[in-house]
PDB file of all heavy atoms in Angstrom:
ATOM      1  N   VAL A   1     -12.720   6.167   1.591  1.00  0.00           N
ATOM      2  CA  VAL A   1     -12.327   7.563   1.800  1.00  0.00           C
ATOM      3  C   VAL A   1     -11.301   8.031   0.773  1.00  0.00           C
ATOM      4  O   VAL A   1     -11.461   9.090   0.153  1.00  0.00           O
ATOM      5  CB  VAL A   1     -11.744   7.752   3.224  1.00  0.00           C
ATOM      6  CG1 VAL A   1     -11.326   9.206   3.444  1.00  0.00           C
ATOM      7  CG2 VAL A   1     -12.756   7.339   4.280  1.00  0.00           C
ATOM      8  N   GLY A   2     -10.245   7.267   0.610  1.00  0.00           N
ATOM      9  CA  GLY A   2      -9.090   7.728  -0.145  1.00  0.00           C
ATOM     10  C   GLY A   2      -9.380   8.091  -1.581  1.00  0.00           C
ATOM     11  O   GLY A   2      -8.980   9.172  -2.056  1.00  0.00           O
ATOM     12  N   GLN A   3     -10.085   7.229  -2.317  1.00  0.00           N
ATOM     13  CA  GLN A   3     -10.286   7.493  -3.742  1.00  0.00           C
ATOM     14  C   GLN A   3     -11.194   8.697  -3.991  1.00  0.00           C
ATOM     15  O   GLN A   3     -11.100   9.330  -5.045  1.00  0.00           O
ATOM     16  CB  GLN A   3     -10.847   6.247  -4.423  1.00  0.00           C
ATOM     17  CG  GLN A   3     -12.189   5.791  -3.910  1.00  0.00           C
ATOM     18  CD  GLN A   3     -12.627   4.494  -4.573  1.00  0.00           C
ATOM     19  OE1 GLN A   3     -11.938   3.962  -5.452  1.00  0.00           O
ATOM     20  NE2 GLN A   3     -13.774   3.983  -4.160  1.00  0.00           N
ATOM     21  N   ASP A   4     -12.064   9.015  -3.028  1.00  0.00           N
ATOM     22  CA  ASP A   4     -12.890  10.222  -3.176  1.00  0.00           C
ATOM     23  C   ASP A   4     -12.120  11.481  -2.788  1.00  0.00           C
ATOM     24  O   ASP A   4     -12.326  12.543  -3.374  1.00  0.00           O
ATOM     25  CB  ASP A   4     -14.141  10.093  -2.304  1.00  0.00           C
ATOM     26  CG  ASP A   4     -15.062   8.976  -2.768  1.00  0.00           C
ATOM     27  OD1 ASP A   4     -15.029   8.660  -3.975  1.00  0.00           O
ATOM     28  OD2 ASP A   4     -15.790   8.409  -1.941  1.00  0.00           O
ATOM     29  N   THR A   5     -11.240  11.363  -1.786  1.00  0.00           N
ATOM     30  CA  THR A   5     -10.451  12.518  -1.357  1.00  0.00           C
ATOM     31  C   THR A   5      -9.360  12.857  -2.362  1.00  0.00           C
ATOM     32  O   THR A   5      -9.040  14.035  -2.574  1.00  0.00           O
ATOM     33  CB  THR A   5      -9.825  12.244   0.021  1.00  0.00           C
ATOM     34  OG1 THR A   5     -10.847  11.848   0.938  1.00  0.00           O
ATOM     35  CG2 THR A   5      -9.120  13.476   0.555  1.00  0.00           C
ATOM     36  N   TYR A   6      -8.800  11.831  -2.987  1.00  0.00           N
ATOM     37  CA  TYR A   6      -7.709  12.025  -3.953  1.00  0.00           C
ATOM     38  C   TYR A   6      -8.105  11.380  -5.287  1.00  0.00           C
ATOM     39  O   TYR A   6      -7.582  10.331  -5.675  1.00  0.00           O
ATOM     40  CB  TYR A   6      -6.419  11.400  -3.437  1.00  0.00           C
ATOM     41  CG  TYR A   6      -5.953  11.928  -2.101  1.00  0.00           C
ATOM     42  CD1 TYR A   6      -6.305  11.279  -0.908  1.00  0.00           C
ATOM     43  CD2 TYR A   6      -5.179  13.075  -2.011  1.00  0.00           C
ATOM     44  CE1 TYR A   6      -5.874  11.755   0.324  1.00  0.00           C
ATOM     45  CE2 TYR A   6      -4.754  13.566  -0.788  1.00  0.00           C
ATOM     46  CZ  TYR A   6      -5.114  12.897   0.379  1.00  0.00           C
ATOM     47  OH  TYR A   6      -4.690  13.374   1.590  1.00  0.00           O
ATOM     48  N   PRO A   7      -9.029  11.983  -6.035  1.00  0.00           N
ATOM     49  CA  PRO A   7      -9.512  11.342  -7.275  1.00  0.00           C
ATOM     50  C   PRO A   7      -8.461  11.265  -8.383  1.00  0.00           C
ATOM     51  O   PRO A   7      -8.566  10.419  -9.278  1.00  0.00           O
ATOM     52  CB  PRO A   7     -10.688  12.245  -7.680  1.00  0.00           C
ATOM     53  CG  PRO A   7     -10.404  13.564  -7.041  1.00  0.00           C
ATOM     54  CD  PRO A   7      -9.702  13.266  -5.759  1.00  0.00           C
ATOM     55  N   HIS A   8      -7.456  12.125  -8.330  1.00  0.00           N
ATOM     56  CA  HIS A   8      -6.446  12.145  -9.398  1.00  0.00           C
ATOM     57  C   HIS A   8      -5.121  11.535  -8.939  1.00  0.00           C
ATOM     58  O   HIS A   8      -4.097  11.704  -9.611  1.00  0.00           O
ATOM     59  CB  HIS A   8      -6.208  13.583  -9.867  1.00  0.00           C
ATOM     60  CG  HIS A   8      -7.453  14.285 -10.310  1.00  0.00           C
ATOM     61  ND1 HIS A   8      -8.188  13.897 -11.418  1.00  0.00           N
ATOM     62  CD2 HIS A   8      -8.124  15.349  -9.765  1.00  0.00           C
ATOM     63  CE1 HIS A   8      -9.237  14.683 -11.558  1.00  0.00           C
ATOM     64  NE2 HIS A   8      -9.228  15.575 -10.564  1.00  0.00           N
ATOM     65  N   ALA A   9      -5.139  10.842  -7.828  1.00  0.00           N
ATOM     66  CA  ALA A   9      -3.891  10.276  -7.297  1.00  0.00           C
ATOM     67  C   ALA A   9      -3.399   9.141  -8.180  1.00  0.00           C
ATOM     68  O   ALA A   9      -4.185   8.345  -8.705  1.00  0.00           O
ATOM     69  CB  ALA A   9      -4.107   9.777  -5.874  1.00  0.00           C
ATOM     70  N   ARG A  10      -2.098   9.087  -8.336  1.00  0.00           N
ATOM     71  CA  ARG A  10      -1.468   7.977  -9.040  1.00  0.00           C
ATOM     72  C   ARG A  10      -0.441   7.253  -8.168  1.00  0.00           C
ATOM     73  O   ARG A  10       0.073   6.216  -8.555  1.00  0.00           O
ATOM     74  CB  ARG A  10      -0.794   8.461 -10.320  1.00  0.00           C
ATOM     75  CG  ARG A  10       0.328   9.455 -10.081  1.00  0.00           C
ATOM     76  CD  ARG A  10       0.947   9.920 -11.378  1.00  0.00           C
ATOM     77  NE  ARG A  10       2.078  10.804 -11.151  1.00  0.00           N
ATOM     78  CZ  ARG A  10       3.320  10.372 -10.928  1.00  0.00           C
ATOM     79  NH1 ARG A  10       3.578   9.062 -10.888  1.00  0.00           N
ATOM     80  NH2 ARG A  10       4.295  11.237 -10.732  1.00  0.00           N
ATOM     81  N   ARG A  11      -0.168   7.855  -6.994  1.00  0.00           N
ATOM     82  CA  ARG A  11       0.788   7.248  -6.074  1.00  0.00           C
ATOM     83  C   ARG A  11       0.212   7.257  -4.654  1.00  0.00           C
ATOM     84  O   ARG A  11      -0.679   8.041  -4.338  1.00  0.00           O
ATOM     85  CB  ARG A  11       2.118   8.001  -6.073  1.00  0.00           C
ATOM     86  CG  ARG A  11       2.825   8.041  -7.415  1.00  0.00           C
ATOM     87  CD  ARG A  11       4.191   8.714  -7.281  1.00  0.00           C
ATOM     88  NE  ARG A  11       4.085  10.085  -6.769  1.00  0.00           N
ATOM     89  CZ  ARG A  11       5.122  10.832  -6.401  1.00  0.00           C
ATOM     90  NH1 ARG A  11       6.347  10.327  -6.471  1.00  0.00           N
ATOM     91  NH2 ARG A  11       4.937  12.062  -5.947  1.00  0.00           N
ATOM     92  N   LEU A  12       0.746   6.382  -3.818  1.00  0.00           N
ATOM     93  CA  LEU A  12       0.370   6.328  -2.405  1.00  0.00           C
ATOM     94  C   LEU A  12       1.634   6.047  -1.596  1.00  0.00           C
ATOM     95  O   LEU A  12       2.365   5.094  -1.891  1.00  0.00           O
ATOM     96  CB  LEU A  12      -0.658   5.216  -2.152  1.00  0.00           C
ATOM     97  CG  LEU A  12      -0.960   4.882  -0.684  1.00  0.00           C
ATOM     98  CD1 LEU A  12      -1.592   6.077   0.024  1.00  0.00           C
ATOM     99  CD2 LEU A  12      -1.860   3.662  -0.579  1.00  0.00           C
ATOM    100  N   LEU A  13       1.873   6.900  -0.595  1.00  0.00           N
ATOM    101  CA  LEU A  13       3.029   6.706   0.283  1.00  0.00           C
ATOM    102  C   LEU A  13       2.535   6.204   1.638  1.00  0.00           C
ATOM    103  O   LEU A  13       1.641   6.803   2.243  1.00  0.00           O
ATOM    104  CB  LEU A  13       3.807   8.013   0.461  1.00  0.00           C
ATOM    105  CG  LEU A  13       4.974   7.960   1.459  1.00  0.00           C
ATOM    106  CD1 LEU A  13       6.029   6.953   1.017  1.00  0.00           C
ATOM    107  CD2 LEU A  13       5.595   9.349   1.648  1.00  0.00           C
ATOM    108  N   ILE A  14       3.122   5.117   2.099  1.00  0.00           N
ATOM    109  CA  ILE A  14       2.774   4.524   3.392  1.00  0.00           C
ATOM    110  C   ILE A  14       4.015   4.556   4.278  1.00  0.00           C
ATOM    111  O   ILE A  14       5.083   4.076   3.894  1.00  0.00           O
ATOM    112  CB  ILE A  14       2.297   3.064   3.233  1.00  0.00           C
ATOM    113  CG1 ILE A  14       1.041   3.002   2.359  1.00  0.00           C
ATOM    114  CG2 ILE A  14       2.029   2.428   4.591  1.00  0.00           C
ATOM    115  CD1 ILE A  14       0.591   1.585   2.048  1.00  0.00           C
ATOM    116  N   THR A  15       3.880   5.151   5.465  1.00  0.00           N
ATOM    117  CA  THR A  15       4.943   5.092   6.464  1.00  0.00           C
ATOM    118  C   THR A  15       4.515   4.107   7.540  1.00  0.00           C
ATOM    119  O   THR A  15       3.388   4.183   8.039  1.00  0.00           O
ATOM    120  CB  THR A  15       5.214   6.475   7.080  1.00  0.00           C
ATOM    121  OG1 THR A  15       4.048   6.941   7.756  1.00  0.00           O
ATOM    122  CG2 THR A  15       5.591   7.477   6.005  1.00  0.00           C
ATOM    123  N   ALA A  16       5.408   3.198   7.895  1.00  0.00           N
ATOM    124  CA  ALA A  16       5.056   2.118   8.818  1.00  0.00           C
ATOM    125  C   ALA A  16       6.238   1.773   9.701  1.00  0.00           C
ATOM    126  O   ALA A  16       7.378   2.180   9.443  1.00  0.00           O
ATOM    127  CB  ALA A  16       4.605   0.871   8.035  1.00  0.00           C
ATOM    128  N   ASP A  17       5.942   1.023  10.773  1.00  0.00           N
ATOM    129  CA  ASP A  17       6.996   0.557  11.663  1.00  0.00           C
ATOM    130  C   ASP A  17       7.871  -0.469  10.956  1.00  0.00           C
ATOM    131  O   ASP A  17       7.556  -0.945   9.862  1.00  0.00           O
ATOM    132  CB  ASP A  17       6.393  -0.071  12.924  1.00  0.00           C
ATOM    133  CG  ASP A  17       5.650   0.955  13.767  1.00  0.00           C
ATOM    134  OD1 ASP A  17       5.841   2.145  13.522  1.00  0.00           O
ATOM    135  OD2 ASP A  17       4.906   0.542  14.668  1.00  0.00           O
ATOM    136  N   ALA A  18       8.947  -0.859  11.648  1.00  0.00           N
ATOM    137  CA  ALA A  18       9.868  -1.834  11.071  1.00  0.00           C
ATOM    138  C   ALA A  18       9.444  -3.268  11.333  1.00  0.00           C
ATOM    139  O   ALA A  18       9.943  -4.185  10.684  1.00  0.00           O
ATOM    140  CB  ALA A  18      11.279  -1.609  11.613  1.00  0.00           C
ATOM    141  N   GLY A  19       8.540  -3.481  12.283  1.00  0.00           N
ATOM    142  CA  GLY A  19       8.149  -4.839  12.632  1.00  0.00           C
ATOM    143  C   GLY A  19       6.649  -5.017  12.632  1.00  0.00           C
ATOM    144  O   GLY A  19       5.887  -4.140  12.236  1.00  0.00           O
ATOM    145  N   GLY A  20       6.222  -6.210  13.092  1.00  0.00           N
ATOM    146  CA  GLY A  20       4.797  -6.510  13.150  1.00  0.00           C
ATOM    147  C   GLY A  20       4.254  -6.982  11.823  1.00  0.00           C
ATOM    148  O   GLY A  20       4.993  -7.385  10.908  1.00  0.00           O
ATOM    149  N   SER A  21       2.927  -6.919  11.685  1.00  0.00           N
ATOM    150  CA  SER A  21       2.288  -7.399  10.461  1.00  0.00           C
ATOM    151  C   SER A  21       2.664  -6.564   9.256  1.00  0.00           C
ATOM    152  O   SER A  21       2.555  -7.044   8.120  1.00  0.00           O
ATOM    153  CB  SER A  21       0.765  -7.411  10.645  1.00  0.00           C
ATOM    154  OG  SER A  21       0.296  -6.103  10.952  1.00  0.00           O
ATOM    155  N   ASN A  22       3.077  -5.296   9.457  1.00  0.00           N
ATOM    156  CA  ASN A  22       3.494  -4.446   8.347  1.00  0.00           C
ATOM    157  C   ASN A  22       5.002  -4.179   8.378  1.00  0.00           C
ATOM    158  O   ASN A  22       5.457  -3.119   7.935  1.00  0.00           O
ATOM    159  CB  ASN A  22       2.730  -3.120   8.358  1.00  0.00           C
ATOM    160  CG  ASN A  22       2.671  -2.452   9.715  1.00  0.00           C
ATOM    161  OD1 ASN A  22       1.617  -2.039  10.159  1.00  0.00           O
ATOM    162  ND2 ASN A  22       3.803  -2.339  10.406  1.00  0.00           N
ATOM    163  N   GLY A  23       5.779  -5.125   8.891  1.00  0.00           N
ATOM    164  CA  GLY A  23       7.223  -4.965   8.978  1.00  0.00           C
ATOM    165  C   GLY A  23       7.918  -5.167   7.651  1.00  0.00           C
ATOM    166  O   GLY A  23       7.390  -5.804   6.734  1.00  0.00           O
ATOM    167  N   TYR A  24       9.116  -4.634   7.555  1.00  0.00           N
ATOM    168  CA  TYR A  24       9.843  -4.718   6.282  1.00  0.00           C
ATOM    169  C   TYR A  24      10.345  -6.124   5.991  1.00  0.00           C
ATOM    170  O   TYR A  24      10.714  -6.434   4.855  1.00  0.00           O
ATOM    171  CB  TYR A  24      11.005  -3.718   6.256  1.00  0.00           C
ATOM    172  CG  TYR A  24      12.156  -4.034   7.183  1.00  0.00           C
ATOM    173  CD1 TYR A  24      13.247  -4.774   6.739  1.00  0.00           C
ATOM    174  CD2 TYR A  24      12.179  -3.584   8.502  1.00  0.00           C
ATOM    175  CE1 TYR A  24      14.313  -5.050   7.573  1.00  0.00           C
ATOM    176  CE2 TYR A  24      13.223  -3.854   9.338  1.00  0.00           C
ATOM    177  CZ  TYR A  24      14.292  -4.593   8.873  1.00  0.00           C
ATOM    178  OH  TYR A  24      15.342  -4.866   9.713  1.00  0.00           O
ATOM    179  N   ARG A  25      10.356  -7.002   6.988  1.00  0.00           N
ATOM    180  CA  ARG A  25      10.769  -8.391   6.768  1.00  0.00           C
ATOM    181  C   ARG A  25       9.588  -9.322   6.486  1.00  0.00           C
ATOM    182  O   ARG A  25       9.798 -10.497   6.205  1.00  0.00           O
ATOM    183  CB  ARG A  25      11.529  -8.906   7.989  1.00  0.00           C
ATOM    184  CG  ARG A  25      12.856  -8.210   8.242  1.00  0.00           C
ATOM    185  CD  ARG A  25      13.541  -8.786   9.455  1.00  0.00           C
ATOM    186  NE  ARG A  25      14.834  -8.173   9.700  1.00  0.00           N
ATOM    187  CZ  ARG A  25      15.627  -8.449  10.730  1.00  0.00           C
ATOM    188  NH1 ARG A  25      15.237  -9.348  11.627  1.00  0.00           N
ATOM    189  NH2 ARG A  25      16.785  -7.841  10.874  1.00  0.00           N
ATOM    190  N   THR A  26       8.378  -8.817   6.600  1.00  0.00           N
ATOM    191  CA  THR A  26       7.187  -9.643   6.414  1.00  0.00           C
ATOM    192  C   THR A  26       6.891  -9.787   4.928  1.00  0.00           C
ATOM    193  O   THR A  26       6.477  -8.832   4.264  1.00  0.00           O
ATOM    194  CB  THR A  26       5.985  -9.022   7.139  1.00  0.00           C
ATOM    195  OG1 THR A  26       6.327  -8.799   8.511  1.00  0.00           O
ATOM    196  CG2 THR A  26       4.776  -9.945   7.069  1.00  0.00           C
ATOM    197  N   ARG A  27       7.090 -10.978   4.397  1.00  0.00           N
ATOM    198  CA  ARG A  27       6.909 -11.185   2.964  1.00  0.00           C
ATOM    199  C   ARG A  27       5.447 -11.060   2.546  1.00  0.00           C
ATOM    200  O   ARG A  27       5.140 -10.513   1.483  1.00  0.00           O
ATOM    201  CB  ARG A  27       7.442 -12.567   2.584  1.00  0.00           C
ATOM    202  CG  ARG A  27       8.945 -12.710   2.759  1.00  0.00           C
ATOM    203  CD  ARG A  27       9.426 -14.054   2.238  1.00  0.00           C
ATOM    204  NE  ARG A  27      10.872 -14.132   2.214  1.00  0.00           N
ATOM    205  CZ  ARG A  27      11.561 -15.116   1.624  1.00  0.00           C
ATOM    206  NH1 ARG A  27      10.907 -16.101   1.030  1.00  0.00           N
ATOM    207  NH2 ARG A  27      12.879 -15.101   1.644  1.00  0.00           N
ATOM    208  N   ALA A  28       4.543 -11.595   3.385  1.00  0.00           N
ATOM    209  CA  ALA A  28       3.119 -11.525   3.040  1.00  0.00           C
ATOM    210  C   ALA A  28       2.640 -10.080   2.936  1.00  0.00           C
ATOM    211  O   ALA A  28       1.723  -9.771   2.163  1.00  0.00           O
ATOM    212  CB  ALA A  28       2.293 -12.286   4.077  1.00  0.00           C
ATOM    213  N   TRP A  29       3.235  -9.172   3.702  1.00  0.00           N
ATOM    214  CA  TRP A  29       2.897  -7.751   3.627  1.00  0.00           C
ATOM    215  C   TRP A  29       3.178  -7.202   2.233  1.00  0.00           C
ATOM    216  O   TRP A  29       2.348  -6.489   1.645  1.00  0.00           O
ATOM    217  CB  TRP A  29       3.688  -6.994   4.696  1.00  0.00           C
ATOM    218  CG  TRP A  29       3.883  -5.526   4.525  1.00  0.00           C
ATOM    219  CD1 TRP A  29       5.016  -4.893   4.121  1.00  0.00           C
ATOM    220  CD2 TRP A  29       2.916  -4.482   4.770  1.00  0.00           C
ATOM    221  NE1 TRP A  29       4.840  -3.533   4.106  1.00  0.00           N
ATOM    222  CE2 TRP A  29       3.561  -3.248   4.507  1.00  0.00           C
ATOM    223  CE3 TRP A  29       1.601  -4.463   5.197  1.00  0.00           C
ATOM    224  CZ2 TRP A  29       2.929  -2.034   4.644  1.00  0.00           C
ATOM    225  CZ3 TRP A  29       0.966  -3.235   5.345  1.00  0.00           C
ATOM    226  CH2 TRP A  29       1.621  -2.054   5.061  1.00  0.00           C
ATOM    227  N   LYS A  30       4.312  -7.551   1.684  1.00  0.00           N
ATOM    228  CA  LYS A  30       4.671  -7.071   0.352  1.00  0.00           C
ATOM    229  C   LYS A  30       3.793  -7.709  -0.717  1.00  0.00           C
ATOM    230  O   LYS A  30       3.419  -7.055  -1.699  1.00  0.00           O
ATOM    231  CB  LYS A  30       6.143  -7.354   0.089  1.00  0.00           C
ATOM    232  CG  LYS A  30       7.078  -6.641   1.061  1.00  0.00           C
ATOM    233  CD  LYS A  30       8.535  -6.996   0.831  1.00  0.00           C
ATOM    234  CE  LYS A  30       9.433  -6.260   1.836  1.00  0.00           C
ATOM    235  NZ  LYS A  30      10.866  -6.597   1.665  1.00  0.00           N
ATOM    236  N   VAL A  31       3.438  -8.983  -0.522  1.00  0.00           N
ATOM    237  CA  VAL A  31       2.569  -9.655  -1.483  1.00  0.00           C
ATOM    238  C   VAL A  31       1.191  -9.004  -1.507  1.00  0.00           C
ATOM    239  O   VAL A  31       0.633  -8.715  -2.578  1.00  0.00           O
ATOM    240  CB  VAL A  31       2.456 -11.156  -1.139  1.00  0.00           C
ATOM    241  CG1 VAL A  31       1.373 -11.818  -1.978  1.00  0.00           C
ATOM    242  CG2 VAL A  31       3.787 -11.851  -1.368  1.00  0.00           C
ATOM    243  N   GLU A  32       0.629  -8.746  -0.336  1.00  0.00           N
ATOM    244  CA  GLU A  32      -0.694  -8.132  -0.274  1.00  0.00           C
ATOM    245  C   GLU A  32      -0.669  -6.708  -0.826  1.00  0.00           C
ATOM    246  O   GLU A  32      -1.624  -6.273  -1.482  1.00  0.00           O
ATOM    247  CB  GLU A  32      -1.202  -8.130   1.162  1.00  0.00           C
ATOM    248  CG  GLU A  32      -1.460  -9.513   1.747  1.00  0.00           C
ATOM    249  CD  GLU A  32      -2.548 -10.260   1.007  1.00  0.00           C
ATOM    250  OE1 GLU A  32      -3.446  -9.600   0.452  1.00  0.00           O
ATOM    251  OE2 GLU A  32      -2.505 -11.504   0.972  1.00  0.00           O
ATOM    252  N   LEU A  33       0.407  -5.967  -0.582  1.00  0.00           N
ATOM    253  CA  LEU A  33       0.517  -4.617  -1.145  1.00  0.00           C
ATOM    254  C   LEU A  33       0.622  -4.660  -2.664  1.00  0.00           C
ATOM    255  O   LEU A  33       0.065  -3.795  -3.358  1.00  0.00           O
ATOM    256  CB  LEU A  33       1.732  -3.900  -0.558  1.00  0.00           C
ATOM    257  CG  LEU A  33       1.594  -3.342   0.853  1.00  0.00           C
ATOM    258  CD1 LEU A  33       2.897  -2.684   1.290  1.00  0.00           C
ATOM    259  CD2 LEU A  33       0.453  -2.338   0.944  1.00  0.00           C
ATOM    260  N   ALA A  34       1.340  -5.655  -3.178  1.00  0.00           N
ATOM    261  CA  ALA A  34       1.431  -5.792  -4.636  1.00  0.00           C
ATOM    262  C   ALA A  34       0.055  -6.069  -5.236  1.00  0.00           C
ATOM    263  O   ALA A  34      -0.297  -5.538  -6.301  1.00  0.00           O
ATOM    264  CB  ALA A  34       2.407  -6.914  -4.993  1.00  0.00           C
ATOM    265  N   ARG A  35      -0.735  -6.884  -4.550  1.00  0.00           N
ATOM    266  CA  ARG A  35      -2.100  -7.145  -5.017  1.00  0.00           C
ATOM    267  C   ARG A  35      -2.939  -5.866  -4.961  1.00  0.00           C
ATOM    268  O   ARG A  35      -3.735  -5.594  -5.865  1.00  0.00           O
ATOM    269  CB  ARG A  35      -2.725  -8.251  -4.170  1.00  0.00           C
ATOM    270  CG  ARG A  35      -4.112  -8.659  -4.631  1.00  0.00           C
ATOM    271  CD  ARG A  35      -4.680  -9.784  -3.793  1.00  0.00           C
ATOM    272  NE  ARG A  35      -3.965 -11.020  -4.037  1.00  0.00           N
ATOM    273  CZ  ARG A  35      -3.245 -11.659  -3.122  1.00  0.00           C
ATOM    274  NH1 ARG A  35      -3.146 -11.168  -1.901  1.00  0.00           N
ATOM    275  NH2 ARG A  35      -2.629 -12.786  -3.420  1.00  0.00           N
ATOM    276  N   LEU A  36      -2.774  -5.062  -3.900  1.00  0.00           N
ATOM    277  CA  LEU A  36      -3.514  -3.806  -3.794  1.00  0.00           C
ATOM    278  C   LEU A  36      -3.101  -2.834  -4.901  1.00  0.00           C
ATOM    279  O   LEU A  36      -3.952  -2.156  -5.494  1.00  0.00           O
ATOM    280  CB  LEU A  36      -3.260  -3.182  -2.416  1.00  0.00           C
ATOM    281  CG  LEU A  36      -3.899  -1.820  -2.154  1.00  0.00           C
ATOM    282  CD1 LEU A  36      -5.415  -1.924  -2.223  1.00  0.00           C
ATOM    283  CD2 LEU A  36      -3.467  -1.269  -0.796  1.00  0.00           C
ATOM    284  N   ALA A  37      -1.815  -2.759  -5.180  1.00  0.00           N
ATOM    285  CA  ALA A  37      -1.348  -1.876  -6.247  1.00  0.00           C
ATOM    286  C   ALA A  37      -1.918  -2.295  -7.593  1.00  0.00           C
ATOM    287  O   ALA A  37      -2.326  -1.454  -8.414  1.00  0.00           O
ATOM    288  CB  ALA A  37       0.176  -1.880  -6.281  1.00  0.00           C
ATOM    289  N   SER A  38      -1.975  -3.619  -7.831  1.00  0.00           N
ATOM    290  CA  SER A  38      -2.515  -4.111  -9.094  1.00  0.00           C
ATOM    291  C   SER A  38      -4.001  -3.816  -9.221  1.00  0.00           C
ATOM    292  O   SER A  38      -4.486  -3.461 -10.299  1.00  0.00           O
ATOM    293  CB  SER A  38      -2.264  -5.621  -9.203  1.00  0.00           C
ATOM    294  OG  SER A  38      -2.840  -6.155 -10.382  1.00  0.00           O
ATOM    295  N   ASP A  39      -4.734  -3.918  -8.106  1.00  0.00           N
ATOM    296  CA  ASP A  39      -6.185  -3.705  -8.150  1.00  0.00           C
ATOM    297  C   ASP A  39      -6.553  -2.237  -8.257  1.00  0.00           C
ATOM    298  O   ASP A  39      -7.557  -1.886  -8.891  1.00  0.00           O
ATOM    299  CB  ASP A  39      -6.837  -4.308  -6.896  1.00  0.00           C
ATOM    300  CG  ASP A  39      -6.699  -5.822  -6.839  1.00  0.00           C
ATOM    301  OD1 ASP A  39      -6.417  -6.431  -7.883  1.00  0.00           O
ATOM    302  OD2 ASP A  39      -6.865  -6.399  -5.738  1.00  0.00           O
ATOM    303  N   THR A  40      -5.792  -1.353  -7.623  1.00  0.00           N
ATOM    304  CA  THR A  40      -6.136   0.073  -7.602  1.00  0.00           C
ATOM    305  C   THR A  40      -5.428   0.891  -8.674  1.00  0.00           C
ATOM    306  O   THR A  40      -5.839   2.030  -8.935  1.00  0.00           O
ATOM    307  CB  THR A  40      -5.786   0.675  -6.230  1.00  0.00           C
ATOM    308  OG1 THR A  40      -4.380   0.513  -5.988  1.00  0.00           O
ATOM    309  CG2 THR A  40      -6.566  -0.020  -5.120  1.00  0.00           C
ATOM    310  N   GLY A  41      -4.379   0.350  -9.266  1.00  0.00           N
ATOM    311  CA  GLY A  41      -3.614   1.106 -10.246  1.00  0.00           C
ATOM    312  C   GLY A  41      -2.700   2.137  -9.627  1.00  0.00           C
ATOM    313  O   GLY A  41      -2.155   2.993 -10.334  1.00  0.00           O
ATOM    314  N   LEU A  42      -2.498   2.063  -8.301  1.00  0.00           N
ATOM    315  CA  LEU A  42      -1.633   3.012  -7.612  1.00  0.00           C
ATOM    316  C   LEU A  42      -0.210   2.475  -7.529  1.00  0.00           C
ATOM    317  O   LEU A  42       0.007   1.262  -7.393  1.00  0.00           O
ATOM    318  CB  LEU A  42      -2.146   3.273  -6.194  1.00  0.00           C
ATOM    319  CG  LEU A  42      -3.461   4.026  -6.049  1.00  0.00           C
ATOM    320  CD1 LEU A  42      -3.904   4.018  -4.595  1.00  0.00           C
ATOM    321  CD2 LEU A  42      -3.322   5.454  -6.555  1.00  0.00           C
ATOM    322  N   GLU A  43       0.719   3.393  -7.597  1.00  0.00           N
ATOM    323  CA  GLU A  43       2.120   3.065  -7.344  1.00  0.00           C
ATOM    324  C   GLU A  43       2.359   3.272  -5.848  1.00  0.00           C
ATOM    325  O   GLU A  43       2.390   4.390  -5.368  1.00  0.00           O
ATOM    326  CB  GLU A  43       3.014   3.977  -8.176  1.00  0.00           C
ATOM    327  CG  GLU A  43       4.480   3.638  -8.123  1.00  0.00           C
ATOM    328  CD  GLU A  43       5.300   4.563  -9.019  1.00  0.00           C
ATOM    329  OE1 GLU A  43       5.269   4.389 -10.251  1.00  0.00           O
ATOM    330  OE2 GLU A  43       5.943   5.475  -8.451  1.00  0.00           O
TER     331      GLU A  43
END
């Protein structure tokens, strides 16, 4: 959905809770997001 809706996007903002699988203390969450940023070219 996203890349077709926003074809000229260069950034992506994600708002999330403080805990759980997407918590700010979860290291694997940041690692997987870094991989997604590298693959999509999004900041």
